Amino acid sequence: MRTRWLDDAELDAWVRFIAVVELLPGVLDTQLRRDSDLTHFEYYVLAMLSEAPDRTLRMTHLAARTNATLARLSHVVSRLEARGLVRRTPCPEDGRATNASLTEDGWAAVVAAAPGHVETVRSHVFDALRPEQVDQLREIATALLTKLDPEGRMTTPYRRPRAGAAR
């Protein structure tokens, strides 16, 4: 197979895109650790549970939604469980499966962390873009996700939570 090298415009776009991919997680993690004593991934796990029916997901479904291996997710959920933010129970529909549920303290933690997280996302991403660029970003991300996540594991339809809920 012949290598299809990037042209100058593609290389320039790639270098800038990969810099964002590398820098943004650190920005999000730093803010959440400072303000909420949570890593970005811990916040993401709590947020996914906060949006699930009854604030509960099977561990396998939570792993898919967070793009985590079961081993990594289990380790993180153990830490959150030790802090009283998450509870694991056998799945009533399938005794071989385990559910993770957000506790009331977990709900309070994600609700408290959400404003600072959203402000960080806004100030480091959306404030840098014009409205038409936000639309372009959505279109570009959709095109990339069609290749990267064809089953839509991480892109379940977004729904706004109840008033006052974490985001």
C-alpha atoms as a PDB file:
ATOM      1  CA  MET A   1       0.000   0.000   0.000  1.00  0.00           C
ATOM      2  CA  ARG A   2       1.278   3.412  -0.920  1.00  0.00           C
ATOM      3  CA  THR A   3       1.441   6.048   1.851  1.00  0.00           C
ATOM      4  CA  ARG A   4      -0.860   8.996   1.270  1.00  0.00           C
ATOM      5  CA  TRP A   5       1.220  11.727   2.935  1.00  0.00           C
ATOM      6  CA  LEU A   6      -0.512  14.782   4.332  1.00  0.00           C
ATOM      7  CA  ASP A   7      -0.261  17.866   2.202  1.00  0.00           C
ATOM      8  CA  ASP A   8       0.770  21.173   3.777  1.00  0.00           C
ATOM      9  CA  ALA A   9      -2.786  22.245   4.614  1.00  0.00           C
ATOM     10  CA  GLU A  10      -3.650  18.834   6.121  1.00  0.00           C
ATOM     11  CA  LEU A  11      -0.431  18.755   8.129  1.00  0.00           C
ATOM     12  CA  ASP A  12      -1.063  22.243   9.484  1.00  0.00           C
ATOM     13  CA  ALA A  13      -4.643  21.292  10.452  1.00  0.00           C
ATOM     14  CA  TRP A  14      -3.468  18.014  11.998  1.00  0.00           C
ATOM     15  CA  VAL A  15      -0.751  19.625  14.140  1.00  0.00           C
ATOM     16  CA  ARG A  16      -3.232  22.176  15.471  1.00  0.00           C
ATOM     17  CA  PHE A  17      -5.968  19.583  16.063  1.00  0.00           C
ATOM     18  CA  ILE A  18      -3.675  17.168  17.905  1.00  0.00           C
ATOM     19  CA  ALA A  19      -2.389  20.043  20.070  1.00  0.00           C
ATOM     20  CA  VAL A  20      -5.997  20.732  21.153  1.00  0.00           C
ATOM     21  CA  VAL A  21      -6.567  17.008  21.790  1.00  0.00           C
ATOM     22  CA  GLU A  22      -3.472  16.938  24.011  1.00  0.00           C
ATOM     23  CA  LEU A  23      -3.906  20.269  25.832  1.00  0.00           C
ATOM     24  CA  LEU A  24      -7.651  20.397  26.562  1.00  0.00           C
ATOM     25  CA  PRO A  25      -7.848  17.340  28.871  1.00  0.00           C
ATOM     26  CA  GLY A  26      -5.159  18.841  31.115  1.00  0.00           C
ATOM     27  CA  VAL A  27      -7.040  22.139  31.342  1.00  0.00           C
ATOM     28  CA  LEU A  28     -10.274  20.351  32.285  1.00  0.00           C
ATOM     29  CA  ASP A  29      -8.523  18.041  34.754  1.00  0.00           C
ATOM     30  CA  THR A  30      -6.674  20.905  36.471  1.00  0.00           C
ATOM     31  CA  GLN A  31      -9.861  22.904  37.058  1.00  0.00           C
ATOM     32  CA  LEU A  32     -11.856  19.937  38.347  1.00  0.00           C
ATOM     33  CA  ARG A  33      -9.069  18.772  40.680  1.00  0.00           C
ATOM     34  CA  ARG A  34      -8.617  22.297  42.044  1.00  0.00           C
ATOM     35  CA  ASP A  35     -12.288  23.145  42.503  1.00  0.00           C
ATOM     36  CA  SER A  36     -13.971  19.786  43.108  1.00  0.00           C
ATOM     37  CA  ASP A  37     -11.313  17.234  44.064  1.00  0.00           C
ATOM     38  CA  LEU A  38     -12.315  15.155  41.040  1.00  0.00           C
ATOM     39  CA  THR A  39     -10.368  14.111  37.990  1.00  0.00           C
ATOM     40  CA  HIS A  40     -11.961  14.861  34.648  1.00  0.00           C
ATOM     41  CA  PHE A  41     -12.655  11.159  34.156  1.00  0.00           C
ATOM     42  CA  GLU A  42     -14.269  10.857  37.605  1.00  0.00           C
ATOM     43  CA  TYR A  43     -16.478  13.841  36.777  1.00  0.00           C
ATOM     44  CA  TYR A  44     -17.360  12.262  33.434  1.00  0.00           C
ATOM     45  CA  VAL A  45     -18.392   9.005  35.156  1.00  0.00           C
ATOM     46  CA  LEU A  46     -20.543  10.933  37.640  1.00  0.00           C
ATOM     47  CA  ALA A  47     -22.073  13.019  34.840  1.00  0.00           C
ATOM     48  CA  MET A  48     -22.961   9.920  32.784  1.00  0.00           C
ATOM     49  CA  LEU A  49     -24.637   8.373  35.828  1.00  0.00           C
ATOM     50  CA  SER A  50     -26.446  11.655  36.563  1.00  0.00           C
ATOM     51  CA  GLU A  51     -28.048  11.539  33.099  1.00  0.00           C
ATOM     52  CA  ALA A  52     -29.052   7.861  33.230  1.00  0.00           C
ATOM     53  CA  PRO A  53     -32.527   6.684  34.240  1.00  0.00           C
ATOM     54  CA  ASP A  54     -32.585   6.302  38.031  1.00  0.00           C
ATOM     55  CA  ARG A  55     -28.959   7.575  37.918  1.00  0.00           C
ATOM     56  CA  THR A  56     -27.903   3.954  37.338  1.00  0.00           C
ATOM     57  CA  LEU A  57     -26.077   2.134  34.525  1.00  0.00           C
ATOM     58  CA  ARG A  58     -24.651  -1.337  34.083  1.00  0.00           C
ATOM     59  CA  MET A  59     -20.900  -1.167  34.384  1.00  0.00           C
ATOM     60  CA  THR A  60     -20.562  -2.402  30.786  1.00  0.00           C
ATOM     61  CA  HIS A  61     -22.827   0.407  29.533  1.00  0.00           C
ATOM     62  CA  LEU A  62     -20.991   2.980  31.646  1.00  0.00           C
ATOM     63  CA  ALA A  63     -17.683   1.734  30.216  1.00  0.00           C
ATOM     64  CA  ALA A  64     -19.033   2.169  26.678  1.00  0.00           C
ATOM     65  CA  ARG A  65     -20.348   5.674  27.393  1.00  0.00           C
ATOM     66  CA  THR A  66     -17.021   6.766  28.884  1.00  0.00           C
ATOM     67  CA  ASN A  67     -14.805   4.881  26.406  1.00  0.00           C
ATOM     68  CA  ALA A  68     -13.116   3.064  29.287  1.00  0.00           C
ATOM     69  CA  THR A  69     -12.000  -0.507  29.727  1.00  0.00           C
ATOM     70  CA  LEU A  70     -13.894  -2.353  32.442  1.00  0.00           C
ATOM     71  CA  ALA A  71     -10.655  -2.591  34.426  1.00  0.00           C
ATOM     72  CA  ARG A  72     -10.071   1.191  34.354  1.00  0.00           C
ATOM     73  CA  LEU A  73     -13.713   1.927  35.090  1.00  0.00           C
ATOM     74  CA  SER A  74     -13.796  -0.548  37.976  1.00  0.00           C
ATOM     75  CA  HIS A  75     -10.738   1.105  39.516  1.00  0.00           C
ATOM     76  CA  VAL A  76     -12.276   4.589  39.217  1.00  0.00           C
ATOM     77  CA  VAL A  77     -15.675   3.440  40.490  1.00  0.00           C
ATOM     78  CA  SER A  78     -13.919   1.838  43.486  1.00  0.00           C
ATOM     79  CA  ARG A  79     -12.373   5.227  44.316  1.00  0.00           C
ATOM     80  CA  LEU A  80     -15.729   6.982  43.908  1.00  0.00           C
ATOM     81  CA  GLU A  81     -17.417   4.276  45.981  1.00  0.00           C
ATOM     82  CA  ALA A  82     -14.870   4.757  48.785  1.00  0.00           C
ATOM     83  CA  ARG A  83     -15.807   8.451  48.801  1.00  0.00           C
ATOM     84  CA  GLY A  84     -19.530   7.607  48.981  1.00  0.00           C
ATOM     85  CA  LEU A  85     -20.285   9.076  45.546  1.00  0.00           C
ATOM     86  CA  VAL A  86     -21.203   5.834  43.761  1.00  0.00           C
ATOM     87  CA  ARG A  87     -22.675   2.523  44.859  1.00  0.00           C
ATOM     88  CA  ARG A  88     -22.346  -0.835  43.078  1.00  0.00           C
ATOM     89  CA  THR A  89     -25.098  -3.435  43.261  1.00  0.00           C
ATOM     90  CA  PRO A  90     -25.952  -6.641  41.405  1.00  0.00           C
ATOM     91  CA  CYS A  91     -28.092  -5.989  38.328  1.00  0.00           C
ATOM     92  CA  PRO A  92     -31.656  -7.175  39.080  1.00  0.00           C
ATOM     93  CA  GLU A  93     -32.214  -8.244  35.440  1.00  0.00           C
ATOM     94  CA  ASP A  94     -28.925 -10.169  35.200  1.00  0.00           C
ATOM     95  CA  GLY A  95     -27.241 -11.339  38.383  1.00  0.00           C
ATOM     96  CA  ARG A  96     -23.930 -11.720  36.531  1.00  0.00           C
ATOM     97  CA  ALA A  97     -23.842  -7.981  35.784  1.00  0.00           C
ATOM     98  CA  THR A  98     -23.139  -5.105  38.151  1.00  0.00           C
ATOM     99  CA  ASN A  99     -24.853  -1.743  38.226  1.00  0.00           C
ATOM    100  CA  ALA A 100     -23.243   1.527  39.261  1.00  0.00           C
ATOM    101  CA  SER A 101     -25.561   4.095  40.832  1.00  0.00           C
ATOM    102  CA  LEU A 102     -25.005   7.698  41.788  1.00  0.00           C
ATOM    103  CA  THR A 103     -25.582   8.270  45.517  1.00  0.00           C
ATOM    104  CA  GLU A 104     -27.112  11.452  46.891  1.00  0.00           C
ATOM    105  CA  ASP A 105     -23.584  12.605  47.787  1.00  0.00           C
ATOM    106  CA  GLY A 106     -22.504  11.775  44.220  1.00  0.00           C
ATOM    107  CA  TRP A 107     -25.397  13.806  42.856  1.00  0.00           C
ATOM    108  CA  ALA A 108     -24.417  16.712  45.106  1.00  0.00           C
ATOM    109  CA  ALA A 109     -20.790  16.430  43.949  1.00  0.00           C
ATOM    110  CA  VAL A 110     -21.626  16.510  40.253  1.00  0.00           C
ATOM    111  CA  VAL A 111     -24.106  19.369  40.742  1.00  0.00           C
ATOM    112  CA  ALA A 112     -21.462  21.348  42.655  1.00  0.00           C
ATOM    113  CA  ALA A 113     -18.729  20.619  40.069  1.00  0.00           C
ATOM    114  CA  ALA A 114     -20.820  21.356  36.970  1.00  0.00           C
ATOM    115  CA  PRO A 115     -20.769  25.193  37.008  1.00  0.00           C
ATOM    116  CA  GLY A 116     -16.977  25.430  37.195  1.00  0.00           C
ATOM    117  CA  HIS A 117     -16.569  22.718  34.575  1.00  0.00           C
ATOM    118  CA  VAL A 118     -18.994  24.418  32.184  1.00  0.00           C
ATOM    119  CA  GLU A 119     -17.268  27.763  32.695  1.00  0.00           C
ATOM    120  CA  THR A 120     -13.906  26.156  31.898  1.00  0.00           C
ATOM    121  CA  VAL A 121     -15.314  24.571  28.734  1.00  0.00           C
ATOM    122  CA  ARG A 122     -16.896  27.875  27.755  1.00  0.00           C
ATOM    123  CA  SER A 123     -13.792  29.979  28.418  1.00  0.00           C
ATOM    124  CA  HIS A 124     -11.299  27.604  26.766  1.00  0.00           C
ATOM    125  CA  VAL A 125     -13.404  26.430  23.820  1.00  0.00           C
ATOM    126  CA  PHE A 126     -16.575  28.315  22.983  1.00  0.00           C
ATOM    127  CA  ASP A 127     -15.457  31.845  23.862  1.00  0.00           C
ATOM    128  CA  ALA A 128     -12.656  31.406  21.307  1.00  0.00           C
ATOM    129  CA  LEU A 129     -15.148  30.644  18.513  1.00  0.00           C
ATOM    130  CA  ARG A 130     -17.587  32.698  16.482  1.00  0.00           C
ATOM    131  CA  PRO A 131     -21.162  31.303  16.303  1.00  0.00           C
ATOM    132  CA  GLU A 132     -20.608  29.932  12.794  1.00  0.00           C
ATOM    133  CA  GLN A 133     -17.455  28.179  14.036  1.00  0.00           C
ATOM    134  CA  VAL A 134     -19.492  26.430  16.737  1.00  0.00           C
ATOM    135  CA  ASP A 135     -21.690  25.026  13.956  1.00  0.00           C
ATOM    136  CA  GLN A 136     -18.564  24.040  12.001  1.00  0.00           C
ATOM    137  CA  LEU A 137     -17.065  22.374  15.074  1.00  0.00           C
ATOM    138  CA  ARG A 138     -20.260  20.332  15.514  1.00  0.00           C
ATOM    139  CA  GLU A 139     -20.220  19.321  11.845  1.00  0.00           C
ATOM    140  CA  ILE A 140     -16.520  18.379  11.952  1.00  0.00           C
ATOM    141  CA  ALA A 141     -16.937  16.395  15.170  1.00  0.00           C
ATOM    142  CA  THR A 142     -19.955  14.595  13.683  1.00  0.00           C
ATOM    143  CA  ALA A 143     -17.969  13.653  10.577  1.00  0.00           C
ATOM    144  CA  LEU A 144     -15.059  12.352  12.651  1.00  0.00           C
ATOM    145  CA  LEU A 145     -17.343  10.444  15.015  1.00  0.00           C
ATOM    146  CA  THR A 146     -18.977   8.717  12.058  1.00  0.00           C
ATOM    147  CA  LYS A 147     -15.588   7.044  11.521  1.00  0.00           C
ATOM    148  CA  LEU A 148     -14.406   6.798  15.139  1.00  0.00           C
ATOM    149  CA  ASP A 149     -17.700   5.800  16.813  1.00  0.00           C
ATOM    150  CA  PRO A 150     -19.926   4.312  14.090  1.00  0.00           C
ATOM    151  CA  GLU A 151     -22.166   2.576  16.657  1.00  0.00           C
ATOM    152  CA  GLY A 152     -22.696   5.875  18.496  1.00  0.00           C
ATOM    153  CA  ARG A 153     -21.575   4.476  21.884  1.00  0.00           C
ATOM    154  CA  MET A 154     -20.443   7.879  23.096  1.00  0.00           C
ATOM    155  CA  THR A 155     -22.903   9.998  21.186  1.00  0.00           C
ATOM    156  CA  THR A 156     -26.255   8.941  22.557  1.00  0.00           C
ATOM    157  CA  PRO A 157     -28.796  11.663  21.894  1.00  0.00           C
ATOM    158  CA  TYR A 158     -28.216  14.570  24.204  1.00  0.00           C
ATOM    159  CA  ARG A 159     -31.062  15.554  26.447  1.00  0.00           C
ATOM    160  CA  ARG A 160     -31.192  18.517  28.756  1.00  0.00           C
ATOM    161  CA  PRO A 161     -31.525  17.495  32.393  1.00  0.00           C
ATOM    162  CA  ARG A 162     -34.196  18.757  34.734  1.00  0.00           C
ATOM    163  CA  ALA A 163     -33.824  22.325  35.982  1.00  0.00           C
ATOM    164  CA  GLY A 164     -31.028  22.515  38.528  1.00  0.00           C
ATOM    165  CA  ALA A 165     -29.452  19.241  37.360  1.00  0.00           C
ATOM    166  CA  ALA A 166     -25.736  18.828  36.704  1.00  0.00           C
ATOM    167  CA  ARG A 167     -24.356  19.360  33.264  1.00  0.00           C
END
